Amino acid sequence: MVLSGSLIAKLVLLILALMSALSWAIIIIKALQYHNIRKEDQKFYQIYLNESSLNQIKKVSSEYLFSAFSFIFSATYQEAARMSQRIQRSSPDISESNSMLPYLSQQLQRVIEKTINERYSFIENRLNFLATISSAAPFIGLFGTVLGIINSFQSIGTTGVTSLASVAPGISEALVATAAGLLAAIPALMAYNYFRNQARLLTNTMRNFGMELTNRFEWIVNGRLLGRE
């Protein structure tokens, strides 16, 4: 049935098959990626809670390549170290140093927000392909459906016969194109909505971790400054 169809109908089915294969490849890749992110975030967060030394946490953070928490911690650690040294060099007087603590907090929050945005872009990478496939595949299938119906009417006009045998090939071709479009679009749409929701949940956990991290760094830096009194 498919092999006996017109060249354009075969091309439509080939395009839909490629779109379906691409969507399933992205679904598998994103599923593994999200699994690794959640798994490594949990492991890194346990280290963060149990380890009192920030230096030690920084050393092991490079081992967690998928963990969003690890990226946030590394960026915040580097900025906090840079700002702390800058405050101590430029403000020997303790009162002046303490006055810069609000600026330190704001700077850490900006770094954390920037890192979260970068990780969110990484997490959402390739999801736009799923959105495109879910919206375009039904219309491509509809195009094949219209072609099949046109072929059926042309068959009737050419032969002058209105029997089922004369219109069945075109109708079958139309139904196959419709089914192929839906088969490509439905999984892509469901996966897109699922991964977008998971991306929002991961972003919320990153923001919560960012707030914990800011408080911890502020407490440590503030303690070091107070120790200079």
C-alpha atoms as a PDB file:
ATOM      1  CA  MET A   1       0.000   0.000   0.000  1.00  0.00           C
ATOM      2  CA  VAL A   2       2.752   2.422   0.954  1.00  0.00           C
ATOM      3  CA  LEU A   3       5.124   1.201  -1.740  1.00  0.00           C
ATOM      4  CA  SER A   4       2.459   1.569  -4.398  1.00  0.00           C
ATOM      5  CA  GLY A   5       1.675   5.166  -3.426  1.00  0.00           C
ATOM      6  CA  SER A   6       2.725   8.293  -5.298  1.00  0.00           C
ATOM      7  CA  LEU A   7       6.192   9.779  -4.996  1.00  0.00           C
ATOM      8  CA  ILE A   8       4.929  12.758  -2.977  1.00  0.00           C
ATOM      9  CA  ALA A   9       3.038  10.435  -0.613  1.00  0.00           C
ATOM     10  CA  LYS A  10       6.197   8.409  -0.055  1.00  0.00           C
ATOM     11  CA  LEU A  11       8.123  11.620   0.596  1.00  0.00           C
ATOM     12  CA  VAL A  12       5.518  12.727   3.149  1.00  0.00           C
ATOM     13  CA  LEU A  13       5.770   9.401   4.973  1.00  0.00           C
ATOM     14  CA  LEU A  14       9.572   9.543   4.884  1.00  0.00           C
ATOM     15  CA  ILE A  15       9.560  13.027   6.422  1.00  0.00           C
ATOM     16  CA  LEU A  16       7.163  11.894   9.153  1.00  0.00           C
ATOM     17  CA  ALA A  17       9.275   8.805   9.842  1.00  0.00           C
ATOM     18  CA  LEU A  18      12.392  10.956  10.211  1.00  0.00           C
ATOM     19  CA  MET A  19      10.557  13.380  12.491  1.00  0.00           C
ATOM     20  CA  SER A  20       9.319  10.495  14.637  1.00  0.00           C
ATOM     21  CA  ALA A  21      12.815   8.986  14.866  1.00  0.00           C
ATOM     22  CA  LEU A  22      14.272  12.379  15.813  1.00  0.00           C
ATOM     23  CA  SER A  23      11.652  12.955  18.500  1.00  0.00           C
ATOM     24  CA  TRP A  24      12.255   9.521  20.053  1.00  0.00           C
ATOM     25  CA  ALA A  25      16.022  10.087  20.012  1.00  0.00           C
ATOM     26  CA  ILE A  26      15.535  13.410  21.826  1.00  0.00           C
ATOM     27  CA  ILE A  27      13.103  11.808  24.298  1.00  0.00           C
ATOM     28  CA  ILE A  28      15.633   9.111  25.208  1.00  0.00           C
ATOM     29  CA  ILE A  29      18.508  11.609  25.487  1.00  0.00           C
ATOM     30  CA  LYS A  30      16.510  14.019  27.665  1.00  0.00           C
ATOM     31  CA  ALA A  31      15.178  11.218  29.878  1.00  0.00           C
ATOM     32  CA  LEU A  32      18.719  10.005  30.577  1.00  0.00           C
ATOM     33  CA  GLN A  33      19.927  13.574  31.078  1.00  0.00           C
ATOM     34  CA  TYR A  34      17.201  14.450  33.590  1.00  0.00           C
ATOM     35  CA  HIS A  35      17.781  11.182  35.431  1.00  0.00           C
ATOM     36  CA  ASN A  36      21.507  11.914  35.734  1.00  0.00           C
ATOM     37  CA  ILE A  37      20.859  15.483  36.884  1.00  0.00           C
ATOM     38  CA  ARG A  38      18.474  14.403  39.651  1.00  0.00           C
ATOM     39  CA  LYS A  39      20.737  11.541  40.718  1.00  0.00           C
ATOM     40  CA  GLU A  40      23.896  13.655  40.933  1.00  0.00           C
ATOM     41  CA  ASP A  41      22.059  16.579  42.551  1.00  0.00           C
ATOM     42  CA  GLN A  42      20.982  14.283  45.376  1.00  0.00           C
ATOM     43  CA  LYS A  43      24.516  12.948  45.862  1.00  0.00           C
ATOM     44  CA  PHE A  44      26.101  16.394  45.767  1.00  0.00           C
ATOM     45  CA  TYR A  45      23.506  17.830  48.135  1.00  0.00           C
ATOM     46  CA  GLN A  46      24.300  15.133  50.699  1.00  0.00           C
ATOM     47  CA  ILE A  47      27.979  16.038  50.467  1.00  0.00           C
ATOM     48  CA  TYR A  48      27.066  19.704  50.822  1.00  0.00           C
ATOM     49  CA  LEU A  49      25.064  19.003  53.982  1.00  0.00           C
ATOM     50  CA  ASN A  50      27.563  16.642  55.604  1.00  0.00           C
ATOM     51  CA  GLU A  51      30.824  18.402  54.702  1.00  0.00           C
ATOM     52  CA  SER A  52      31.700  21.484  56.740  1.00  0.00           C
ATOM     53  CA  SER A  53      34.687  22.494  54.607  1.00  0.00           C
ATOM     54  CA  LEU A  54      33.780  24.502  51.540  1.00  0.00           C
ATOM     55  CA  ASN A  55      37.210  23.811  50.085  1.00  0.00           C
ATOM     56  CA  GLN A  56      36.575  20.094  50.240  1.00  0.00           C
ATOM     57  CA  ILE A  57      33.175  20.499  48.626  1.00  0.00           C
ATOM     58  CA  LYS A  58      34.806  22.525  45.849  1.00  0.00           C
ATOM     59  CA  LYS A  59      37.314  19.743  45.248  1.00  0.00           C
ATOM     60  CA  VAL A  60      34.653  17.072  44.743  1.00  0.00           C
ATOM     61  CA  SER A  61      32.283  19.322  42.789  1.00  0.00           C
ATOM     62  CA  SER A  62      34.198  18.704  39.558  1.00  0.00           C
ATOM     63  CA  GLU A  63      33.274  15.014  39.774  1.00  0.00           C
ATOM     64  CA  TYR A  64      29.567  15.771  39.273  1.00  0.00           C
ATOM     65  CA  LEU A  65      29.330  16.774  35.633  1.00  0.00           C
ATOM     66  CA  PHE A  66      25.525  16.596  35.435  1.00  0.00           C
ATOM     67  CA  SER A  67      24.696  18.137  38.806  1.00  0.00           C
ATOM     68  CA  ALA A  68      23.199  21.614  38.566  1.00  0.00           C
ATOM     69  CA  PHE A  69      23.983  22.096  42.267  1.00  0.00           C
ATOM     70  CA  SER A  70      27.656  21.488  41.541  1.00  0.00           C
ATOM     71  CA  PHE A  71      27.749  24.237  38.888  1.00  0.00           C
ATOM     72  CA  ILE A  72      25.935  26.661  41.175  1.00  0.00           C
ATOM     73  CA  PHE A  73      28.258  25.916  44.077  1.00  0.00           C
ATOM     74  CA  SER A  74      31.440  26.296  41.993  1.00  0.00           C
ATOM     75  CA  ALA A  75      30.365  29.633  40.520  1.00  0.00           C
ATOM     76  CA  THR A  76      29.286  30.962  43.930  1.00  0.00           C
ATOM     77  CA  TYR A  77      32.436  29.695  45.653  1.00  0.00           C
ATOM     78  CA  GLN A  78      34.690  31.434  43.146  1.00  0.00           C
ATOM     79  CA  GLU A  79      32.759  34.696  43.396  1.00  0.00           C
ATOM     80  CA  ALA A  80      32.635  34.592  47.210  1.00  0.00           C
ATOM     81  CA  ALA A  81      36.374  33.945  47.425  1.00  0.00           C
ATOM     82  CA  ARG A  82      37.089  36.795  45.041  1.00  0.00           C
ATOM     83  CA  MET A  83      34.788  39.222  46.860  1.00  0.00           C
ATOM     84  CA  SER A  84      36.034  38.225  50.308  1.00  0.00           C
ATOM     85  CA  GLN A  85      39.648  38.863  49.317  1.00  0.00           C
ATOM     86  CA  ARG A  86      38.690  42.133  47.710  1.00  0.00           C
ATOM     87  CA  ILE A  87      36.828  43.317  50.807  1.00  0.00           C
ATOM     88  CA  GLN A  88      39.698  42.443  53.125  1.00  0.00           C
ATOM     89  CA  ARG A  89      42.277  44.154  50.897  1.00  0.00           C
ATOM     90  CA  SER A  90      40.325  47.320  50.177  1.00  0.00           C
ATOM     91  CA  SER A  91      38.694  47.772  53.604  1.00  0.00           C
ATOM     92  CA  PRO A  92      41.067  47.176  56.511  1.00  0.00           C
ATOM     93  CA  ASP A  93      38.599  48.836  58.862  1.00  0.00           C
ATOM     94  CA  ILE A  94      36.007  46.332  60.128  1.00  0.00           C
ATOM     95  CA  SER A  95      33.137  48.800  59.987  1.00  0.00           C
ATOM     96  CA  GLU A  96      33.786  49.466  56.309  1.00  0.00           C
ATOM     97  CA  SER A  97      34.029  45.736  55.652  1.00  0.00           C
ATOM     98  CA  ASN A  98      30.697  45.056  57.314  1.00  0.00           C
ATOM     99  CA  SER A  99      29.086  47.813  55.268  1.00  0.00           C
ATOM    100  CA  MET A 100      30.022  45.870  52.127  1.00  0.00           C
ATOM    101  CA  LEU A 101      28.235  42.700  53.207  1.00  0.00           C
ATOM    102  CA  PRO A 102      24.926  43.684  51.532  1.00  0.00           C
ATOM    103  CA  TYR A 103      26.835  44.227  48.284  1.00  0.00           C
ATOM    104  CA  LEU A 104      28.429  40.787  48.693  1.00  0.00           C
ATOM    105  CA  SER A 105      24.992  39.217  49.165  1.00  0.00           C
ATOM    106  CA  GLN A 106      23.619  40.924  46.065  1.00  0.00           C
ATOM    107  CA  GLN A 107      26.625  39.887  44.028  1.00  0.00           C
ATOM    108  CA  LEU A 108      26.291  36.253  45.107  1.00  0.00           C
ATOM    109  CA  GLN A 109      22.599  36.285  44.243  1.00  0.00           C
ATOM    110  CA  ARG A 110      23.366  37.657  40.783  1.00  0.00           C
ATOM    111  CA  VAL A 111      25.974  34.952  40.180  1.00  0.00           C
ATOM    112  CA  ILE A 112      23.577  32.257  41.349  1.00  0.00           C
ATOM    113  CA  GLU A 113      20.763  33.596  39.162  1.00  0.00           C
ATOM    114  CA  LYS A 114      23.080  33.737  36.149  1.00  0.00           C
ATOM    115  CA  THR A 115      24.210  30.159  36.725  1.00  0.00           C
ATOM    116  CA  ILE A 116      20.615  28.959  37.164  1.00  0.00           C
ATOM    117  CA  ASN A 117      19.656  30.597  33.870  1.00  0.00           C
ATOM    118  CA  GLU A 118      22.583  28.895  32.149  1.00  0.00           C
ATOM    119  CA  ARG A 119      21.649  25.500  33.561  1.00  0.00           C
ATOM    120  CA  TYR A 120      17.989  26.053  32.648  1.00  0.00           C
ATOM    121  CA  SER A 121      19.032  26.727  29.052  1.00  0.00           C
ATOM    122  CA  PHE A 122      21.063  23.516  29.124  1.00  0.00           C
ATOM    123  CA  ILE A 123      18.156  21.535  30.584  1.00  0.00           C
ATOM    124  CA  GLU A 124      15.718  22.881  27.984  1.00  0.00           C
ATOM    125  CA  ASN A 125      18.100  22.323  25.091  1.00  0.00           C
ATOM    126  CA  ARG A 126      16.480  20.423  22.171  1.00  0.00           C
ATOM    127  CA  LEU A 127      12.969  20.698  23.624  1.00  0.00           C
ATOM    128  CA  ASN A 128      12.140  23.178  20.878  1.00  0.00           C
ATOM    129  CA  PHE A 129      12.539  20.327  18.383  1.00  0.00           C
ATOM    130  CA  LEU A 130       9.835  18.366  20.203  1.00  0.00           C
ATOM    131  CA  ALA A 131       7.559  21.398  20.123  1.00  0.00           C
ATOM    132  CA  THR A 132       8.157  21.860  16.397  1.00  0.00           C
ATOM    133  CA  ILE A 133       7.521  18.199  15.621  1.00  0.00           C
ATOM    134  CA  SER A 134       4.351  18.085  17.712  1.00  0.00           C
ATOM    135  CA  SER A 135       2.917  21.095  15.880  1.00  0.00           C
ATOM    136  CA  ALA A 136       4.182  20.405  12.344  1.00  0.00           C
ATOM    137  CA  ALA A 137       3.691  16.637  12.039  1.00  0.00           C
ATOM    138  CA  PRO A 138      -0.160  16.718  12.002  1.00  0.00           C
ATOM    139  CA  PHE A 139      -0.139  19.310   9.212  1.00  0.00           C
ATOM    140  CA  ILE A 140       2.349  17.300   7.188  1.00  0.00           C
ATOM    141  CA  GLY A 141       0.117  14.268   7.714  1.00  0.00           C
ATOM    142  CA  LEU A 142      -2.874  16.371   6.667  1.00  0.00           C
ATOM    143  CA  PHE A 143      -1.015  17.316   3.500  1.00  0.00           C
ATOM    144  CA  GLY A 144      -0.601  13.611   2.726  1.00  0.00           C
ATOM    145  CA  THR A 145      -4.282  13.074   3.490  1.00  0.00           C
ATOM    146  CA  VAL A 146      -5.314  15.766   1.020  1.00  0.00           C
ATOM    147  CA  LEU A 147      -3.070  14.241  -1.621  1.00  0.00           C
ATOM    148  CA  GLY A 148      -4.679  10.851  -1.087  1.00  0.00           C
ATOM    149  CA  ILE A 149      -8.167  12.277  -1.473  1.00  0.00           C
ATOM    150  CA  ILE A 150      -7.115  14.166  -4.591  1.00  0.00           C
ATOM    151  CA  ASN A 151      -5.751  10.939  -6.059  1.00  0.00           C
ATOM    152  CA  SER A 152      -9.057   9.237  -5.312  1.00  0.00           C
ATOM    153  CA  PHE A 153     -11.042  11.906  -7.159  1.00  0.00           C
ATOM    154  CA  GLN A 154      -8.586  11.840 -10.051  1.00  0.00           C
ATOM    155  CA  SER A 155      -9.031   8.069 -10.262  1.00  0.00           C
ATOM    156  CA  ILE A 156     -12.796   8.496 -10.433  1.00  0.00           C
ATOM    157  CA  GLY A 157     -12.471  11.206 -13.101  1.00  0.00           C
ATOM    158  CA  THR A 158     -10.076   9.156 -15.195  1.00  0.00           C
ATOM    159  CA  THR A 159     -11.903   5.832 -15.106  1.00  0.00           C
ATOM    160  CA  GLY A 160     -15.430   7.080 -14.635  1.00  0.00           C
ATOM    161  CA  VAL A 161     -15.904   4.257 -12.123  1.00  0.00           C
ATOM    162  CA  THR A 162     -17.099   5.056  -8.627  1.00  0.00           C
ATOM    163  CA  SER A 163     -16.570   1.614  -7.175  1.00  0.00           C
ATOM    164  CA  LEU A 164     -14.707   1.022  -3.938  1.00  0.00           C
ATOM    165  CA  ALA A 165     -11.817  -0.574  -5.816  1.00  0.00           C
ATOM    166  CA  SER A 166     -11.135   2.652  -7.696  1.00  0.00           C
ATOM    167  CA  VAL A 167     -11.037   4.939  -4.675  1.00  0.00           C
ATOM    168  CA  ALA A 168      -9.658   2.558  -2.033  1.00  0.00           C
ATOM    169  CA  PRO A 169      -5.928   3.119  -2.839  1.00  0.00           C
ATOM    170  CA  GLY A 170      -6.230   6.895  -2.507  1.00  0.00           C
ATOM    171  CA  ILE A 171      -8.294   6.680   0.666  1.00  0.00           C
ATOM    172  CA  SER A 172      -5.839   4.204   2.195  1.00  0.00           C
ATOM    173  CA  GLU A 173      -2.970   6.498   1.297  1.00  0.00           C
ATOM    174  CA  ALA A 174      -4.789   9.390   2.982  1.00  0.00           C
ATOM    175  CA  LEU A 175      -5.477   7.429   6.177  1.00  0.00           C
ATOM    176  CA  VAL A 176      -1.881   6.203   6.424  1.00  0.00           C
ATOM    177  CA  ALA A 177      -0.593   9.783   6.169  1.00  0.00           C
ATOM    178  CA  THR A 178      -3.015  10.919   8.872  1.00  0.00           C
ATOM    179  CA  ALA A 179      -1.988   8.089  11.200  1.00  0.00           C
ATOM    180  CA  ALA A 180       1.709   8.702  10.574  1.00  0.00           C
ATOM    181  CA  GLY A 181       1.326  12.393  11.396  1.00  0.00           C
ATOM    182  CA  LEU A 182      -0.436  11.614  14.666  1.00  0.00           C
ATOM    183  CA  LEU A 183       2.085   8.926  15.600  1.00  0.00           C
ATOM    184  CA  ALA A 184       4.888  11.449  15.173  1.00  0.00           C
ATOM    185  CA  ALA A 185       3.098  14.325  16.922  1.00  0.00           C
ATOM    186  CA  ILE A 186       1.498  12.725  19.993  1.00  0.00           C
ATOM    187  CA  PRO A 187       4.652  11.304  21.660  1.00  0.00           C
ATOM    188  CA  ALA A 188       6.534  14.529  20.891  1.00  0.00           C
ATOM    189  CA  LEU A 189       3.794  16.659  22.452  1.00  0.00           C
ATOM    190  CA  MET A 190       3.515  14.492  25.570  1.00  0.00           C
ATOM    191  CA  ALA A 191       7.287  14.413  26.007  1.00  0.00           C
ATOM    192  CA  TYR A 192       7.562  18.164  25.501  1.00  0.00           C
ATOM    193  CA  ASN A 193       4.995  18.920  28.198  1.00  0.00           C
ATOM    194  CA  TYR A 194       6.572  16.399  30.580  1.00  0.00           C
ATOM    195  CA  PHE A 195      10.132  17.684  30.131  1.00  0.00           C
ATOM    196  CA  ARG A 196       9.035  21.320  30.404  1.00  0.00           C
ATOM    197  CA  ASN A 197       7.372  20.501  33.721  1.00  0.00           C
ATOM    198  CA  GLN A 198      10.479  18.646  34.895  1.00  0.00           C
ATOM    199  CA  ALA A 199      12.623  21.619  33.868  1.00  0.00           C
ATOM    200  CA  ARG A 200      10.489  23.930  36.002  1.00  0.00           C
ATOM    201  CA  LEU A 201      10.767  21.563  38.970  1.00  0.00           C
ATOM    202  CA  LEU A 202      14.542  21.351  38.579  1.00  0.00           C
ATOM    203  CA  THR A 203      14.729  25.133  38.366  1.00  0.00           C
ATOM    204  CA  ASN A 204      12.788  25.455  41.623  1.00  0.00           C
ATOM    205  CA  THR A 205      15.202  23.081  43.351  1.00  0.00           C
ATOM    206  CA  MET A 206      18.130  25.093  41.971  1.00  0.00           C
ATOM    207  CA  ARG A 207      16.661  28.316  43.352  1.00  0.00           C
ATOM    208  CA  ASN A 208      16.093  26.723  46.763  1.00  0.00           C
ATOM    209  CA  PHE A 209      19.653  25.448  46.796  1.00  0.00           C
ATOM    210  CA  GLY A 210      20.858  28.884  45.718  1.00  0.00           C
ATOM    211  CA  MET A 211      19.154  30.503  48.720  1.00  0.00           C
ATOM    212  CA  GLU A 212      20.721  27.970  51.094  1.00  0.00           C
ATOM    213  CA  LEU A 213      24.092  28.562  49.494  1.00  0.00           C
ATOM    214  CA  THR A 214      23.833  32.336  49.780  1.00  0.00           C
ATOM    215  CA  ASN A 215      22.995  32.097  53.482  1.00  0.00           C
ATOM    216  CA  ARG A 216      25.894  29.751  54.129  1.00  0.00           C
ATOM    217  CA  PHE A 217      28.444  31.911  52.330  1.00  0.00           C
ATOM    218  CA  GLU A 218      27.156  35.075  54.004  1.00  0.00           C
ATOM    219  CA  TRP A 219      27.441  33.449  57.423  1.00  0.00           C
ATOM    220  CA  ILE A 220      31.001  32.275  56.733  1.00  0.00           C
ATOM    221  CA  VAL A 221      32.206  35.575  55.274  1.00  0.00           C
ATOM    222  CA  ASN A 222      30.506  37.523  58.050  1.00  0.00           C
ATOM    223  CA  GLY A 223      32.160  35.292  60.656  1.00  0.00           C
ATOM    224  CA  ARG A 224      35.561  35.904  59.131  1.00  0.00           C
ATOM    225  CA  LEU A 225      35.057  39.650  59.180  1.00  0.00           C
ATOM    226  CA  LEU A 226      33.827  39.623  62.760  1.00  0.00           C
ATOM    227  CA  GLY A 227      36.886  37.603  63.676  1.00  0.00           C
ATOM    228  CA  ARG A 228      39.023  40.552  62.661  1.00  0.00           C
ATOM    229  CA  GLU A 229      37.549  42.796  65.384  1.00  0.00           C
END
